Amino acid sequence: MFHIVHNIDPFILRIWGNFGVRWYSLPYMLGMLFVYRSLKKASQKHLIPHLTEEISENFVLTAILAALLGARFFHVFVFEFDRYGIDPIAWISVWRGGLAFHGGLVGILLTVGWYAHRHEIPFFQLLDRIAVPVAVALALGRIANFINAEMYGTPYDGPFCVDYSQNEYMARPPVGCRHPVQLYESAKNFVLAGSLLAVRERLRPPPGVISWSFIGLYGWIRFGLMYLREEDKVWGGLTLSQIFSGLMGIVGVTMLALLFVQRSRSREGAAR
């Protein structure tokens, strides 16, 4: 049976001790670049009303900051407050790791809402435009999680399982071979990004379809994959991440259904 022995240094460049440039920082930098290029192209082709290159630049800087703050807030105060407690220094120690996707999503949604309101930009046109590059950035982020040897999977002794027992960078390597669930999630995000891009460019769906499809599909697929991740169960045999992902899936599917019902009614009204 083919096992992957994981002993990868989480640092691209280690300056001293635990200070340096980590692989985990790359997805955020690349994600920021991908989102900016997508918005810049949209502004140059006048695809989104009132969107300019200057607004695109400011949006990306604000969004990355909001995503980091939201992701850290959720990680500390929602997912692992029992670990951090009342320790403000630990709350802001992002270099030690600890960012929650759902909090980052909330930060991005708030940023989209703020810029849409402030610059009179259609909310869903802006959100639809960034969904694909965000999905790509998340795919790269899961590869970085794999390199960091974090968020590893449940015990598994099949093909391409990951053996952390010889990892000198982990304080307590898990026992036994594991599912490479980080890579499963990365593949899911790449497929999601490609599918949404194809739909956006070929079918030109109404505003909101890409955004709610992303939220719904991401939520439900992640909900299933979380059964393969080593996490504590909090309610009904589900992890906290599963609960939030399931809610994403429900909201995404519900809003897609409402969009199509509304569009169908509009067509019927126009035909009368």
Protein backbone atom coordinates (compact mmCIF):
# COMPACT_ATOMS: atom_id res chain seq x y z
CA MET A 1 0.00 0.00 0.00
CA PHE A 2 1.38 3.43 -0.99
CA HIS A 3 1.78 5.78 1.99
CA ILE A 4 2.79 9.42 1.88
CA VAL A 5 5.34 10.14 4.61
CA HIS A 6 4.78 13.74 5.65
CA ASN A 7 7.77 15.67 6.95
CA ILE A 8 7.48 19.01 5.16
CA ASP A 9 8.85 22.21 6.68
CA PRO A 10 5.89 24.67 6.98
CA PHE A 11 8.29 27.56 6.28
CA ILE A 12 9.31 28.67 2.81
CA LEU A 13 12.01 30.76 4.47
CA ARG A 14 12.82 30.35 8.15
CA ILE A 15 14.62 33.44 9.48
CA TRP A 16 15.00 32.31 13.08
CA GLY A 17 13.03 30.04 15.36
CA ASN A 18 9.35 30.16 14.45
CA PHE A 19 9.65 33.43 12.55
CA GLY A 20 9.78 33.49 8.78
CA VAL A 21 7.69 33.16 5.63
CA ARG A 22 5.21 30.28 5.78
CA TRP A 23 3.61 28.41 2.91
CA TYR A 24 0.26 29.37 4.45
CA SER A 25 0.82 33.02 3.56
CA LEU A 26 0.98 32.34 -0.19
CA PRO A 27 -2.73 31.58 -0.77
CA TYR A 28 -3.71 34.93 0.76
CA MET A 29 -1.27 36.86 -1.42
CA LEU A 30 -2.23 34.93 -4.56
CA GLY A 31 -5.92 35.16 -3.70
CA MET A 32 -5.62 38.93 -3.37
CA LEU A 33 -3.91 39.06 -6.78
CA PHE A 34 -6.52 36.82 -8.45
CA VAL A 35 -9.43 38.86 -7.08
CA TYR A 36 -7.80 42.13 -8.14
CA ARG A 37 -7.10 40.91 -11.69
CA SER A 38 -10.68 39.67 -12.03
CA LEU A 39 -12.13 42.97 -10.85
CA LYS A 40 -9.68 44.98 -12.93
CA LYS A 41 -10.74 43.11 -16.06
CA ALA A 42 -14.41 43.67 -15.18
CA SER A 43 -13.81 47.40 -14.68
CA GLN A 44 -11.90 47.76 -17.96
CA LYS A 45 -14.70 46.02 -19.88
CA HIS A 46 -17.40 47.91 -17.95
CA LEU A 47 -19.02 44.64 -16.87
CA ILE A 48 -20.04 45.99 -13.44
CA PRO A 49 -21.65 49.45 -13.11
CA HIS A 50 -19.56 52.06 -11.23
CA LEU A 51 -16.64 49.68 -10.71
CA THR A 52 -13.26 51.33 -11.41
CA GLU A 53 -9.67 50.15 -11.10
CA GLU A 54 -9.17 52.37 -8.07
CA ILE A 55 -12.23 50.92 -6.35
CA SER A 56 -10.99 47.42 -7.24
CA GLU A 57 -7.64 48.09 -5.56
CA ASN A 58 -9.22 49.50 -2.42
CA PHE A 59 -11.76 46.68 -2.29
CA VAL A 60 -9.11 43.97 -2.41
CA LEU A 61 -7.06 45.55 0.40
CA THR A 62 -10.16 45.98 2.56
CA ALA A 63 -11.45 42.48 1.79
CA ILE A 64 -8.21 40.71 2.71
CA LEU A 65 -8.06 42.59 6.02
CA ALA A 66 -11.74 41.86 6.76
CA ALA A 67 -11.28 38.20 5.83
CA LEU A 68 -8.29 37.83 8.17
CA LEU A 69 -10.10 39.57 11.03
CA GLY A 70 -13.25 37.54 10.53
CA ALA A 71 -11.35 34.26 10.19
CA ARG A 72 -9.34 34.95 13.35
CA PHE A 73 -12.40 36.08 15.30
CA PHE A 74 -14.31 32.89 14.46
CA HIS A 75 -11.32 30.68 15.22
CA VAL A 76 -10.70 32.22 18.63
CA PHE A 77 -14.18 33.09 19.88
CA VAL A 78 -16.37 30.51 18.13
CA PHE A 79 -14.26 27.42 17.50
CA GLU A 80 -11.56 27.36 20.19
CA PHE A 81 -12.32 29.88 22.95
CA ASP A 82 -11.77 27.15 25.55
CA ARG A 83 -8.18 26.96 24.33
CA TYR A 84 -7.46 30.72 24.15
CA GLY A 85 -9.51 32.01 27.09
CA ILE A 86 -8.98 35.59 28.26
CA ASP A 87 -5.58 36.14 26.68
CA PRO A 88 -5.55 39.10 24.25
CA ILE A 89 -1.98 38.35 23.16
CA ALA A 90 -3.00 34.84 22.10
CA TRP A 91 -6.06 36.24 20.32
CA ILE A 92 -3.91 38.25 17.90
CA SER A 93 -1.08 35.71 17.51
CA VAL A 94 -2.02 34.74 13.96
CA TRP A 95 1.55 33.63 13.27
CA ARG A 96 0.82 30.62 15.48
CA GLY A 97 -1.93 29.55 13.09
CA GLY A 98 -5.67 29.51 13.46
CA LEU A 99 -8.03 30.97 10.84
CA ALA A 100 -11.62 29.81 10.30
CA PHE A 101 -13.06 29.83 6.79
CA HIS A 102 -16.60 30.74 7.85
CA GLY A 103 -15.38 33.88 9.63
CA GLY A 104 -13.35 34.87 6.59
CA LEU A 105 -16.45 34.46 4.43
CA VAL A 106 -18.42 36.75 6.74
CA GLY A 107 -15.63 39.36 6.49
CA ILE A 108 -15.71 39.25 2.69
CA LEU A 109 -19.52 39.48 2.54
CA LEU A 110 -19.47 42.53 4.80
CA THR A 111 -16.83 44.15 2.59
CA VAL A 112 -18.87 43.47 -0.55
CA GLY A 113 -21.94 44.95 1.14
CA TRP A 114 -20.04 48.06 2.22
CA TYR A 115 -18.50 48.74 -1.19
CA ALA A 116 -21.75 48.00 -3.00
CA HIS A 117 -23.58 50.50 -0.81
CA ARG A 118 -20.87 53.15 -0.85
CA HIS A 119 -20.20 53.12 -4.61
CA GLU A 120 -23.66 52.07 -5.84
CA ILE A 121 -22.28 48.83 -7.27
CA PRO A 122 -24.78 45.95 -7.71
CA PHE A 123 -24.09 43.64 -4.74
CA PHE A 124 -24.43 40.31 -6.51
CA GLN A 125 -22.56 41.37 -9.62
CA LEU A 126 -19.58 42.19 -7.44
CA LEU A 127 -19.95 39.01 -5.37
CA ASP A 128 -20.37 36.83 -8.48
CA ARG A 129 -17.19 38.29 -9.94
CA ILE A 130 -15.00 37.36 -6.97
CA ALA A 131 -16.48 33.89 -6.33
CA VAL A 132 -14.19 32.10 -8.81
CA PRO A 133 -10.84 33.62 -7.70
CA VAL A 134 -11.84 33.12 -4.06
CA ALA A 135 -12.49 29.43 -4.78
CA VAL A 136 -9.03 29.13 -6.37
CA ALA A 137 -7.44 30.84 -3.35
CA LEU A 138 -9.25 28.41 -1.02
CA ALA A 139 -7.97 25.49 -3.09
CA LEU A 140 -4.40 26.74 -2.66
CA GLY A 141 -5.10 27.31 1.03
CA ARG A 142 -5.96 23.66 1.54
CA ILE A 143 -2.66 22.65 -0.07
CA ALA A 144 -0.97 24.96 2.43
CA ASN A 145 -2.93 23.25 5.23
CA PHE A 146 -1.53 19.94 3.99
CA ILE A 147 2.00 21.31 4.01
CA ASN A 148 1.43 22.64 7.54
CA ALA A 149 0.26 19.17 8.64
CA GLU A 150 -2.92 20.66 10.11
CA MET A 151 -6.61 19.79 9.83
CA TYR A 152 -5.59 16.23 9.00
CA GLY A 153 -8.00 13.41 8.31
CA THR A 154 -9.35 10.44 10.21
CA PRO A 155 -7.49 7.10 10.34
CA TYR A 156 -7.27 5.44 6.94
CA ASP A 157 -5.06 2.69 5.57
CA GLY A 158 -5.91 2.86 1.88
CA PRO A 159 -4.02 4.20 -1.15
CA PHE A 160 -2.23 7.52 -0.73
CA CYS A 161 -2.86 7.75 3.00
CA VAL A 162 -0.64 10.20 4.90
CA ASP A 163 1.76 9.06 7.63
CA TYR A 164 2.72 11.88 10.02
CA SER A 165 4.61 9.69 12.49
CA GLN A 166 8.02 10.91 11.28
CA ASN A 167 7.06 14.59 11.13
CA GLU A 168 9.63 16.50 13.17
CA TYR A 169 7.70 19.77 12.88
CA MET A 170 4.60 18.55 14.75
CA ALA A 171 4.47 18.63 18.54
CA ARG A 172 2.33 15.48 18.66
CA PRO A 173 2.11 13.62 15.35
CA PRO A 174 -1.11 11.59 15.08
CA VAL A 175 -0.89 7.83 15.28
CA GLY A 176 -1.54 5.81 12.15
CA CYS A 177 -2.09 6.68 8.51
CA ARG A 178 -4.68 9.36 7.69
CA HIS A 179 -7.00 10.55 4.96
CA PRO A 180 -5.38 13.43 2.99
CA VAL A 181 -8.60 15.37 3.54
CA GLN A 182 -6.87 18.71 2.92
CA LEU A 183 -6.11 17.56 -0.64
CA TYR A 184 -9.68 16.30 -1.09
CA GLU A 185 -10.89 19.78 -0.17
CA SER A 186 -8.36 21.40 -2.48
CA ALA A 187 -9.56 19.28 -5.41
CA LYS A 188 -13.17 20.15 -4.53
CA ASN A 189 -12.37 23.87 -4.62
CA PHE A 190 -10.52 23.67 -7.94
CA VAL A 191 -13.45 21.78 -9.51
CA LEU A 192 -15.88 24.29 -8.01
CA ALA A 193 -13.86 27.22 -9.40
CA GLY A 194 -13.69 25.69 -12.88
CA SER A 195 -17.39 24.85 -12.92
CA LEU A 196 -18.47 28.30 -11.77
CA LEU A 197 -16.16 29.96 -14.29
CA ALA A 198 -17.66 27.89 -17.12
CA VAL A 199 -21.20 28.76 -16.04
CA ARG A 200 -20.35 32.44 -15.62
CA GLU A 201 -18.66 32.83 -19.00
CA ARG A 202 -20.82 30.56 -21.16
CA LEU A 203 -24.31 30.79 -19.69
CA ARG A 204 -24.18 34.35 -18.31
CA PRO A 205 -26.65 33.56 -15.50
CA PRO A 206 -28.63 36.26 -13.63
CA PRO A 207 -26.85 38.08 -10.77
CA GLY A 208 -26.69 35.97 -7.63
CA VAL A 209 -26.68 32.55 -9.27
CA ILE A 210 -22.88 32.19 -9.15
CA SER A 211 -22.69 33.48 -5.56
CA TRP A 212 -25.44 31.26 -4.14
CA SER A 213 -24.18 28.27 -6.15
CA PHE A 214 -20.75 28.75 -4.62
CA ILE A 215 -22.16 29.06 -1.09
CA GLY A 216 -24.52 26.11 -1.49
CA LEU A 217 -22.12 23.70 -3.20
CA TYR A 218 -19.19 24.64 -1.00
CA GLY A 219 -21.30 24.12 2.11
CA TRP A 220 -22.77 20.75 1.21
CA ILE A 221 -19.58 19.21 -0.19
CA ARG A 222 -17.57 20.40 2.78
CA PHE A 223 -20.25 19.06 5.11
CA GLY A 224 -19.65 15.58 3.68
CA LEU A 225 -15.86 15.83 3.65
CA MET A 226 -15.82 16.84 7.31
CA TYR A 227 -16.69 13.25 8.21
CA LEU A 228 -13.12 12.48 7.10
CA ARG A 229 -11.48 15.22 9.19
CA GLU A 230 -10.24 14.66 12.73
CA GLU A 231 -12.36 17.10 14.74
CA ASP A 232 -14.36 17.08 17.96
CA LYS A 233 -18.08 16.38 17.68
CA VAL A 234 -20.22 19.03 19.36
CA TRP A 235 -23.85 18.15 18.58
CA GLY A 236 -25.65 15.18 17.06
CA GLY A 237 -22.40 13.58 15.94
CA LEU A 238 -21.50 16.70 13.95
CA THR A 239 -18.51 19.00 14.24
CA LEU A 240 -18.90 22.76 14.57
CA SER A 241 -17.47 23.17 11.06
CA GLN A 242 -20.09 20.76 9.72
CA ILE A 243 -22.89 22.70 11.35
CA PHE A 244 -21.76 25.99 9.78
CA SER A 245 -21.15 24.28 6.42
CA GLY A 246 -24.59 22.66 6.52
CA LEU A 247 -26.16 26.06 7.19
CA MET A 248 -24.23 27.44 4.20
CA GLY A 249 -25.61 24.64 2.06
CA ILE A 250 -29.19 25.23 3.20
CA VAL A 251 -28.98 29.00 2.66
CA GLY A 252 -27.34 28.60 -0.75
CA VAL A 253 -29.91 26.12 -2.09
CA THR A 254 -32.84 28.09 -0.63
CA MET A 255 -31.69 31.37 -2.16
CA LEU A 256 -31.06 29.73 -5.54
CA ALA A 257 -34.60 28.34 -5.50
CA LEU A 258 -36.01 31.76 -4.61
CA LEU A 259 -34.01 33.38 -7.44
CA PHE A 260 -35.40 30.96 -10.01
CA VAL A 261 -38.96 31.28 -8.68
CA GLN A 262 -38.68 35.07 -8.81
CA ARG A 263 -37.27 34.95 -12.34
CA SER A 264 -40.01 32.57 -13.46
CA ARG A 265 -42.70 34.87 -12.08
CA SER A 266 -41.11 37.87 -13.79
CA ARG A 267 -41.19 36.06 -17.13
CA GLU A 268 -44.82 35.10 -16.62
CA GLY A 269 -45.69 38.70 -15.75
CA ALA A 270 -43.89 40.00 -18.83
CA ALA A 271 -45.70 37.50 -21.06
CA ARG A 272 -49.16 38.70 -19.96
